[in-house]
């Protein structure tokens, strides 16, 4: 039996502005690096054997800060990248109902099958990310591993693990540098122990 610590990366500037950060590759901000350092302390006692991350810099840097504390190198998995928001990249959510009223309504109602212009659906995200997650868990069936990905990626993965309709993804919170603990059992089942755990970030405040 092993555990997968599924993590959202630390904060970036666009997160603070409530803008869509998808495939755009931007680094952590100073607060994000502080969050990653606190995350590293949280994971130091968990016997982590390996660290995986999306290859986008915000996830990679979060994982590298953890890896430095745990003396582990980071293995990059492009399939764990965030949802590609296409033409909505970098736009505040408040602008979308004004600029794309009908498409935004359709997307909110059925993100599994409707995509932003030149972007991905949540089904496409799930279909690339979930097999990667399962391969990692299978490769470390008797070990604890950390996987650093993204808000929508983690939500899609958790929907799969919980057997939820992916269109309900927004019911799953994912704060920056929060973690989800997933037990991987020998019979292939996954048991979710924690979702959106963020107590390690309490000293930063809001």
Foldseek 3Di string as FASTA:
>chain_A
DEKEKEWEFFADPLVVVQADAFQDADAHDPRRLVLLLLLLVVCQPVQADAEEEAPRHRQQVSRVSSCVSNVYHYHHDNLQGGWFQPPRHSPHPVCCCVPPVVLVVVCLQAQQPRGHVVTDGLVVSLVSLQVVVLVVCVVPVPYYHYYYGHLSSVLSNVCVLVVHDSSVSVVADHHHGFIWMWHQHPVGHIDTDDGRHRPSVPVVPD
